[in-house]
Protein backbone atom coordinates (compact mmCIF):
# COMPACT_ATOMS: atom_id res chain seq x y z
CA MET A 1 -3.00 -22.32 -9.09
CA LYS A 2 -1.82 -19.01 -10.72
CA THR A 3 -2.30 -16.37 -8.19
CA ASN A 4 -0.46 -14.93 -5.43
CA PHE A 5 -3.51 -15.58 -2.85
CA GLY A 6 -2.22 -19.11 -2.07
CA SER A 7 -4.97 -20.50 -0.45
CA GLY A 8 -7.31 -21.84 -3.16
CA GLU A 9 -10.40 -19.78 -2.34
CA ILE A 10 -12.58 -17.18 -3.96
CA PRO A 11 -12.39 -13.42 -3.81
CA SER A 12 -14.91 -11.72 -1.97
CA LEU A 13 -14.52 -8.52 -0.03
CA PHE A 14 -11.57 -7.01 -1.53
CA TRP A 15 -9.29 -9.79 -2.79
CA LEU A 16 -8.31 -11.48 0.61
CA SER A 17 -5.21 -13.46 -0.03
CA ILE A 18 -7.26 -16.08 -1.69
CA THR A 19 -7.44 -17.56 -5.09
CA PRO A 20 -10.32 -16.64 -7.45
CA ILE A 21 -12.26 -19.50 -8.87
CA ASN A 22 -12.69 -20.06 -12.46
CA SER A 23 -16.19 -18.85 -12.42
CA VAL A 24 -15.29 -15.43 -10.91
CA LYS A 25 -13.95 -13.56 -13.81
CA ASN A 26 -10.77 -11.42 -14.15
CA ASN A 27 -8.33 -13.43 -12.12
CA ARG A 28 -5.55 -10.70 -11.78
CA PHE A 29 -2.71 -12.30 -10.15
CA ILE A 30 -0.37 -14.20 -12.14
CA PHE A 31 1.19 -17.12 -10.47
CA PHE A 32 4.13 -17.67 -12.80
CA PHE A 33 5.98 -20.37 -11.02
CA ALA A 34 4.55 -22.51 -8.28
CA ALA A 35 8.07 -23.22 -6.89
CA LEU A 36 10.84 -22.29 -4.63
CA PHE A 37 14.59 -22.89 -4.22
CA LEU A 38 15.73 -25.50 -1.93
CA PHE A 39 16.85 -23.87 1.26
CA VAL A 40 20.69 -23.78 1.54
CA SER A 41 22.42 -23.29 4.80
CA ILE A 42 24.14 -20.06 5.47
CA SER A 43 27.29 -21.45 7.06
CA PHE A 44 30.11 -23.87 6.13
CA SER A 45 33.10 -24.85 8.14
CA GLY A 46 35.86 -23.10 6.47
CA CYS A 47 34.32 -19.65 6.94
CA LYS A 48 32.75 -19.78 10.43
CA LYS A 49 34.91 -16.93 11.79
CA LYS A 50 34.29 -14.59 8.82
CA VAL A 51 30.76 -15.15 8.68
CA GLY A 52 30.20 -14.44 12.34
CA GLU A 53 32.07 -11.19 12.04
CA GLU A 54 30.09 -10.12 9.09
CA VAL A 55 26.69 -11.00 10.82
CA ASP A 56 27.80 -9.26 13.72
CA ALA A 57 28.38 -6.17 11.79
CA LEU A 58 24.87 -6.17 9.96
CA GLU A 59 22.56 -3.47 10.78
CA LYS A 60 18.88 -4.73 10.78
CA LEU A 61 16.47 -2.20 9.63
CA ASP A 62 13.12 -1.66 11.22
CA LEU A 63 10.03 -2.61 9.46
CA SER A 64 6.61 -1.10 10.79
CA TYR A 65 4.01 -3.54 9.80
CA ALA A 66 5.36 -6.34 7.41
CA SER A 67 6.37 -9.43 9.23
CA GLY A 68 7.41 -11.64 6.18
CA PHE A 69 10.74 -10.36 5.44
CA THR A 70 13.88 -8.61 7.10
CA ILE A 71 16.27 -6.11 5.80
CA SER A 72 19.83 -5.94 7.04
CA LYS A 73 22.66 -3.53 5.80
CA GLY A 74 26.35 -4.41 5.80
CA GLU A 75 29.37 -2.85 4.31
CA ASN A 76 28.65 -2.58 0.64
CA PHE A 77 25.97 -5.20 0.67
CA TRP A 78 22.29 -5.85 1.84
CA LYS A 79 20.90 -9.15 3.20
CA VAL A 80 17.21 -9.73 2.79
CA GLU A 81 15.50 -12.65 4.24
CA VAL A 82 12.01 -13.67 3.32
CA THR A 83 10.57 -15.36 6.52
CA GLN A 84 7.03 -16.19 5.24
CA PRO A 85 7.34 -16.81 1.60
CA TRP A 86 3.76 -18.64 1.59
CA THR A 87 1.15 -19.54 4.11
CA GLY A 88 2.61 -22.04 6.70
CA ALA A 89 6.10 -21.99 5.24
CA ASP A 90 8.72 -23.53 7.39
CA ARG A 91 11.83 -22.14 5.37
CA ILE A 92 13.56 -18.88 5.42
CA PHE A 93 14.92 -17.53 2.01
CA SER A 94 18.13 -15.62 2.03
CA TYR A 95 19.08 -13.11 -0.75
CA LEU A 96 22.48 -10.95 -1.09
CA VAL A 97 22.53 -7.66 -2.94
CA LEU A 98 25.88 -6.43 -3.63
CA GLU A 99 26.64 -2.78 -4.17
CA GLU A 100 28.48 -1.88 -7.42
CA ASN A 101 31.97 -3.35 -7.36
CA ALA A 102 31.42 -4.94 -3.93
CA GLU A 103 32.85 -8.18 -2.93
CA LYS A 104 30.68 -11.03 -1.92
CA PRO A 105 30.85 -11.71 1.92
CA ALA A 106 31.12 -15.31 3.18
CA GLY A 107 28.11 -17.41 3.26
CA ASN A 108 25.61 -19.16 1.04
CA PHE A 109 22.52 -17.46 -0.40
CA ASP A 110 19.42 -18.63 -2.38
CA ALA A 111 20.15 -15.66 -4.77
CA ILE A 112 22.76 -13.19 -5.40
CA ILE A 113 21.97 -9.75 -7.18
CA GLN A 114 24.67 -7.44 -8.29
CA LEU A 115 23.84 -3.83 -8.51
CA PRO A 116 23.37 -1.83 -10.60
CA VAL A 117 20.15 -3.40 -11.91
CA GLU A 118 18.95 -2.90 -15.49
CA LYS A 119 16.78 -5.68 -16.52
CA VAL A 120 13.84 -7.38 -14.32
CA ILE A 121 11.08 -9.69 -14.70
CA LEU A 122 7.79 -9.52 -12.69
CA THR A 123 5.17 -12.31 -12.39
CA SER A 124 2.43 -10.60 -10.63
CA THR A 125 0.68 -7.46 -11.27
CA THR A 126 0.87 -6.44 -7.73
CA HIS A 127 4.62 -5.86 -8.21
CA ILE A 128 4.05 -3.50 -11.16
CA PRO A 129 3.37 -0.52 -8.91
CA HIS A 130 6.61 -0.93 -7.14
CA LEU A 131 8.40 -0.13 -10.32
CA ASP A 132 6.33 2.64 -11.16
CA MET A 133 6.69 4.48 -7.74
CA LEU A 134 10.49 3.80 -7.78
CA ASP A 135 11.06 5.13 -11.41
CA GLY A 136 11.87 1.72 -12.45
CA THR A 137 9.23 0.97 -15.05
CA GLU A 138 11.74 0.96 -17.74
CA LYS A 139 13.77 -1.91 -16.20
CA LEU A 140 10.82 -4.34 -16.80
CA ILE A 141 11.65 -6.55 -19.68
CA GLY A 142 9.16 -9.54 -19.36
CA PHE A 143 5.91 -10.38 -17.73
CA PRO A 144 3.24 -13.13 -18.25
CA ASN A 145 0.02 -12.14 -19.99
CA LEU A 146 0.61 -8.41 -20.65
CA ASN A 147 -3.16 -7.85 -20.92
CA LEU A 148 -3.68 -8.10 -17.19
CA ILE A 149 -1.53 -4.90 -16.69
CA SER A 150 -3.28 -1.82 -16.02
CA SER A 151 -0.31 0.74 -15.49
CA GLU A 152 -0.12 3.28 -18.26
CA LYS A 153 3.58 3.70 -17.50
CA THR A 154 4.11 0.10 -18.20
CA TRP A 155 1.88 0.17 -21.24
CA GLU A 156 4.10 2.88 -22.75
CA GLN A 157 7.02 0.32 -22.56
CA ILE A 158 4.88 -2.36 -23.92
CA ASP A 159 3.97 -0.14 -26.95
CA ALA A 160 7.57 0.68 -27.58
CA GLY A 161 8.21 -3.15 -27.65
CA LYS A 162 10.32 -3.19 -24.72
CA ILE A 163 8.52 -5.84 -22.61
CA GLU A 164 8.18 -9.47 -23.81
CA ASP A 165 4.90 -11.31 -23.08
CA LEU A 166 5.86 -14.58 -21.36
CA GLY A 167 2.70 -16.15 -21.86
CA SER A 168 0.95 -18.37 -19.16
CA GLY A 169 2.76 -21.73 -19.29
CA PRO A 170 5.37 -22.27 -16.79
CA SER A 171 7.45 -24.52 -19.06
CA ALA A 172 7.44 -22.13 -21.95
CA ASN A 173 7.98 -19.15 -19.66
CA THR A 174 11.23 -20.79 -18.32
CA GLU A 175 12.91 -20.86 -21.57
CA MET A 176 11.91 -17.39 -22.40
CA VAL A 177 13.22 -16.08 -18.95
CA ILE A 178 16.49 -17.79 -19.59
CA ASP A 179 16.70 -16.26 -23.00
CA LEU A 180 15.86 -12.74 -21.62
CA ASP A 181 18.77 -13.10 -19.11
CA PRO A 182 17.29 -10.59 -16.38
CA ASP A 183 19.24 -9.34 -13.39
CA TRP A 184 16.47 -10.86 -11.33
CA ILE A 185 12.91 -12.40 -11.54
CA MET A 186 10.55 -11.77 -8.67
CA ILE A 187 8.06 -14.75 -8.11
CA SER A 188 5.05 -14.87 -6.03
CA THR A 189 4.37 -18.53 -5.18
CA THR A 190 2.84 -21.38 -2.92
CA GLY A 191 5.77 -23.55 -3.31
CA ASP A 192 4.18 -26.55 -4.88
CA ASN A 193 6.77 -27.34 -7.25
CA LEU A 194 10.61 -26.75 -7.28
CA LYS A 195 11.58 -27.92 -10.66
CA TYR A 196 11.12 -24.59 -12.55
CA LEU A 197 13.24 -22.50 -10.14
CA ASP A 198 15.89 -25.17 -10.09
CA LEU A 199 16.22 -24.54 -13.83
CA LEU A 200 16.50 -20.90 -13.12
CA GLU A 201 19.24 -21.51 -10.59
CA GLN A 202 21.08 -23.67 -13.08
CA ALA A 203 20.96 -20.83 -15.52
CA LYS A 204 22.38 -18.42 -12.87
CA ILE A 205 19.22 -16.32 -12.94
CA PRO A 206 18.62 -14.94 -9.51
CA ALA A 207 14.86 -15.47 -8.38
CA VAL A 208 13.55 -13.94 -5.52
CA ILE A 209 10.28 -14.84 -3.70
CA ASN A 210 7.60 -12.10 -2.74
CA GLY A 211 5.42 -13.13 0.03
CA GLU A 212 3.30 -9.94 0.37
CA TYR A 213 -0.01 -11.66 0.28
CA VAL A 214 0.75 -13.49 3.60
CA GLU A 215 0.62 -10.26 5.43
CA GLN A 216 -2.86 -9.36 6.94
CA HIS A 217 -2.19 -5.78 7.97
CA PRO A 218 -3.11 -3.42 5.11
CA LEU A 219 0.11 -1.35 5.48
CA GLY A 220 2.06 -4.64 5.71
CA ARG A 221 1.57 -5.61 2.14
CA ALA A 222 2.42 -2.17 1.10
CA GLU A 223 5.54 -2.16 3.18
CA TRP A 224 6.90 -4.77 0.68
CA ILE A 225 8.05 -2.07 -1.55
CA LYS A 226 11.00 -1.79 0.73
CA PHE A 227 11.83 -5.43 -0.30
CA THR A 228 11.72 -4.28 -4.20
CA GLY A 229 13.54 -1.05 -3.15
CA VAL A 230 16.51 -3.09 -1.87
CA LEU A 231 16.61 -5.41 -5.07
CA LEU A 232 16.78 -2.30 -7.35
CA GLY A 233 19.22 -0.25 -5.18
CA LYS A 234 16.59 2.13 -4.35
CA TYR A 235 15.78 1.48 -0.67
CA GLU A 236 15.72 5.09 0.50
CA GLU A 237 13.20 6.05 -2.28
CA ALA A 238 11.17 3.02 -1.42
CA VAL A 239 10.94 4.37 2.32
CA VAL A 240 9.85 7.71 1.01
CA ALA A 241 7.11 5.98 -1.01
CA PHE A 242 5.90 3.77 1.77
CA ASP A 243 5.86 6.67 4.11
CA LYS A 244 3.45 8.68 2.09
CA VAL A 245 0.95 5.69 1.85
CA GLU A 246 1.28 5.06 5.51
CA LYS A 247 0.59 8.77 6.25
CA ASP A 248 -2.38 8.93 4.06
CA TYR A 249 -3.87 5.52 5.48
CA LEU A 250 -3.55 6.63 9.09
CA GLU A 251 -5.21 10.13 8.43
CA ALA A 252 -7.92 8.43 6.81
CA GLU A 253 -8.28 5.70 9.72
CA LYS A 254 -8.58 8.39 12.27
CA LEU A 255 -11.39 9.90 10.70
CA SER A 256 -13.59 6.71 11.64
CA ASP A 257 -11.94 6.18 14.94
CA SER A 258 -14.67 8.12 16.61
CA ILE A 259 -17.53 6.29 15.17
CA ILE A 260 -19.56 4.54 17.84
CA ASP A 261 -20.71 0.92 17.23
CA SER A 262 -24.43 1.85 16.88
CA LEU A 263 -23.60 3.88 13.79
CA ARG A 264 -21.52 1.48 11.96
CA PRO A 265 -23.49 0.01 9.11
CA THR A 266 -23.63 -3.66 8.69
CA VAL A 267 -21.83 -5.10 5.68
CA LEU A 268 -22.18 -8.29 3.72
CA SER A 269 -19.52 -9.64 1.48
CA GLY A 270 -18.86 -12.48 -0.71
CA VAL A 271 -20.51 -14.58 -3.38
CA LEU A 272 -21.84 -17.89 -4.20
CA TYR A 273 -19.92 -20.75 -6.06
CA GLN A 274 -21.54 -24.09 -6.41
CA ASP A 275 -23.82 -23.46 -3.35
CA ILE A 276 -20.95 -22.42 -1.11
CA TRP A 277 -20.86 -18.84 0.04
CA TYR A 278 -17.05 -17.64 0.20
CA ALA A 279 -16.59 -14.73 2.57
CA PRO A 280 -13.62 -13.12 4.07
CA GLY A 281 -12.29 -14.39 7.41
CA SER A 282 -12.55 -11.76 10.18
CA GLU A 283 -8.67 -11.54 10.47
CA SER A 284 -8.13 -11.12 6.82
CA TRP A 285 -6.46 -8.09 5.05
CA GLY A 286 -9.79 -6.95 3.45
CA ALA A 287 -11.77 -7.28 6.89
CA ASN A 288 -9.21 -5.30 8.74
CA ILE A 289 -9.56 -2.43 6.27
CA LEU A 290 -13.31 -2.73 6.60
CA GLU A 291 -13.03 -2.20 10.29
CA ASN A 292 -10.70 0.83 9.89
CA ALA A 293 -13.54 2.28 7.67
CA GLY A 294 -16.00 1.94 10.34
CA GLY A 295 -17.89 -0.92 9.02
CA ASN A 296 -19.66 -3.67 11.06
CA TYR A 297 -18.72 -6.90 9.23
CA ILE A 298 -21.61 -9.40 9.37
CA PHE A 299 -19.25 -12.44 9.54
CA SER A 300 -16.86 -11.18 12.22
CA ASP A 301 -17.35 -14.27 13.97
CA GLN A 302 -15.88 -16.40 11.19
CA LYS A 303 -12.23 -16.43 12.24
CA GLY A 304 -9.34 -16.89 9.86
CA THR A 305 -7.06 -14.72 7.41
CA GLY A 306 -8.29 -16.76 4.25
CA SER A 307 -12.11 -17.14 3.37
CA ALA A 308 -15.01 -18.74 5.28
CA GLN A 309 -17.00 -21.39 3.29
CA LEU A 310 -20.78 -20.79 4.39
CA ASN A 311 -23.99 -22.21 3.31
CA TYR A 312 -26.53 -20.21 1.84
CA GLU A 313 -28.97 -20.52 4.50
CA PHE A 314 -26.50 -19.40 7.07
CA VAL A 315 -25.68 -16.28 5.04
CA LEU A 316 -29.40 -15.53 4.45
CA GLU A 317 -30.19 -15.77 8.16
CA ASN A 318 -27.18 -13.65 9.07
CA ALA A 319 -26.94 -11.07 6.45
CA LEU A 320 -30.50 -10.72 4.89
CA GLU A 321 -30.85 -7.12 6.40
CA ALA A 322 -27.29 -6.06 5.91
CA ASP A 323 -27.04 -2.42 4.89
CA PHE A 324 -24.30 -2.86 2.27
CA TRP A 325 -22.95 -5.44 0.05
CA ILE A 326 -19.20 -4.59 -0.64
CA GLY A 327 -16.83 -6.88 -2.79
CA SER A 328 -19.53 -8.73 -4.84
CA ALA A 329 -17.17 -9.97 -7.43
CA ASP A 330 -16.91 -7.93 -10.71
CA PHE A 331 -20.38 -7.95 -12.04
CA PRO A 332 -21.12 -4.92 -14.37
CA ASP A 333 -24.64 -4.19 -12.82
CA LEU A 334 -27.28 -5.32 -10.58
CA LYS A 335 -29.35 -7.11 -13.23
CA THR A 336 -26.34 -9.25 -14.43
CA MET A 337 -25.57 -10.15 -10.97
CA GLY A 338 -29.21 -11.07 -10.08
CA ASP A 339 -29.58 -13.06 -13.36
CA SER A 340 -26.37 -15.11 -12.57
CA GLU A 341 -27.60 -16.00 -9.22
CA PRO A 342 -31.46 -15.20 -8.31
CA ARG A 343 -30.84 -15.89 -4.72
CA TYR A 344 -28.81 -12.71 -4.42
CA LYS A 345 -32.10 -10.84 -4.99
CA ALA A 346 -33.36 -11.72 -1.50
CA PHE A 347 -30.90 -9.40 0.39
CA LYS A 348 -31.79 -6.01 1.44
CA ALA A 349 -28.58 -4.63 0.25
CA TYR A 350 -29.36 -5.78 -3.31
CA GLN A 351 -32.88 -4.62 -3.15
CA SER A 352 -31.79 -1.14 -1.97
CA GLY A 353 -28.86 -0.89 -4.67
CA ASN A 354 -26.33 -0.59 -1.92
CA VAL A 355 -23.94 -3.15 -3.83
CA PHE A 356 -20.44 -2.01 -4.60
CA SER A 357 -17.73 -3.57 -6.52
CA TYR A 358 -14.03 -2.85 -7.22
CA THR A 359 -14.57 -2.35 -11.01
CA GLN A 360 -14.40 1.25 -11.64
CA LYS A 361 -10.97 1.55 -13.20
CA ARG A 362 -9.54 -0.89 -15.83
CA GLY A 363 -6.33 -0.90 -17.86
CA ARG A 364 -6.48 -0.65 -21.54
CA ALA A 365 -6.65 -4.35 -22.11
CA GLY A 366 -9.32 -4.84 -19.31
CA GLY A 367 -7.25 -5.63 -16.49
CA LEU A 368 -8.72 -4.36 -13.05
CA GLU A 369 -6.54 -1.74 -11.58
CA TYR A 370 -7.79 -2.68 -8.17
CA PHE A 371 -6.10 -6.18 -8.41
CA GLU A 372 -2.77 -4.40 -9.42
CA LEU A 373 -2.52 -1.19 -7.28
CA GLY A 374 -4.71 -2.27 -4.31
CA TYR A 375 -1.82 -4.01 -2.34
CA MET A 376 0.38 -0.81 -2.69
CA ARG A 377 -2.30 1.61 -1.95
CA PRO A 378 -4.48 0.53 0.86
CA ASP A 379 -5.09 4.14 1.60
CA LEU A 380 -7.17 4.42 -1.40
CA ILE A 381 -9.31 1.42 -0.67
CA LEU A 382 -9.74 2.68 2.96
CA LYS A 383 -11.03 6.01 1.58
CA ASP A 384 -13.29 4.37 -0.64
CA LEU A 385 -14.96 2.39 1.99
CA ILE A 386 -15.15 5.30 4.12
CA LYS A 387 -16.87 7.31 1.41
CA ILE A 388 -19.43 4.38 0.87
CA LEU A 389 -20.17 3.83 4.60
CA HIS A 390 -19.75 7.36 6.00
CA PRO A 391 -19.99 9.76 3.19
CA ALA A 392 -20.08 12.84 5.42
CA LEU A 393 -16.63 12.06 6.66
CA LEU A 394 -15.05 12.62 3.16
CA PRO A 395 -17.52 14.95 1.47
CA ASP A 396 -15.21 15.96 -1.50
CA TYR A 397 -13.67 12.53 -2.07
CA GLU A 398 -14.55 10.58 -5.15
CA LEU A 399 -14.53 6.61 -5.34
CA TYR A 400 -11.15 5.54 -6.85
CA PHE A 401 -11.59 1.72 -7.06
CA TYR A 402 -15.17 0.99 -6.08
CA GLN A 403 -18.35 1.94 -7.86
CA GLN A 404 -22.06 1.23 -7.02
CA LEU A 405 -23.74 -1.13 -9.24
CA ASN A 406 -26.77 0.33 -11.20
CA GLU A 407 -29.94 -1.67 -12.25
CA THR A 408 -28.39 -1.97 -15.72
CA LYS A 409 -25.07 -0.78 -17.06
């Protein structure tokens, strides 16, 4: 797999921590290494007293929504722990970030990063907005498959020849990463294979795991910008950036709080693949945003944070009269959608033209901005959905990610 969804399923509502299948085009997430460092114990007998003293002195910083990592501040250093690197993980990964000229405290860590940081490598488009929002775009020196990137700031760096295209093969990428010698590389992974990260460890290149996709609260994924902020030496800037997103999200959410159940339109989501309808579980990231937007999700009884696998007959029985169809892959128009699968034409939402896809904005090479910016800007997704489902609540707002599919393009 090569995505940061991590559960081997198909995208439906809004890209739900699930892996797009090959037949659904434009897989936006890069899974550069399916690997993780072996966990190393943080204590050893010769330094027990010193470790204890330093741990006691750490100040653990509060996180409002994210549950997959922790940040602690020491004297001239930061300790970051990733507690949920992938779904079902039973390991904790510990990273040390040293301020300039600081001495390393006692203990063992999976990676040690020395500030200031000048050169970084990312492996998922979802991490690109972190650099953009923290004025760190110029620090990016390598990325696998540049054509997936939508960020114009990043493309300016690409045009200037400052970012290497690392390709898509993990073996080739490892050699290129070692040659580039970054201050750190950020990896989104499911932890299937350790050997590539072992090579990076041997080359003394710090590799950090970003597990944002495990978060199911919409603002939880966005809060991972604080993780990146520590690694860049820009924690305070990350707090400011996140606070703005949080404020906008909560203000939008309040708009739909008063909507009574009878006025919540019914919403279908998902697509067919080899006679299986993949739809978001009711506890998933995307389903949570839909609820916050005042939607009545047809498959709210399908528990889980990944995607439910349903047969067509079940979907037809339950969703035939759904008012809206949101998250219908990336078809350009209704005709193409219907031609690809004639059974789609049976649904009321298709017949009435109430089908919306996340395809409005593309990068210059065709990458969908939704798959890059969406994790970091759930406030925009929420506003889009409110505008679709309850347009009177946002009369002057224009859709950002989503667009209504026309009969023909």
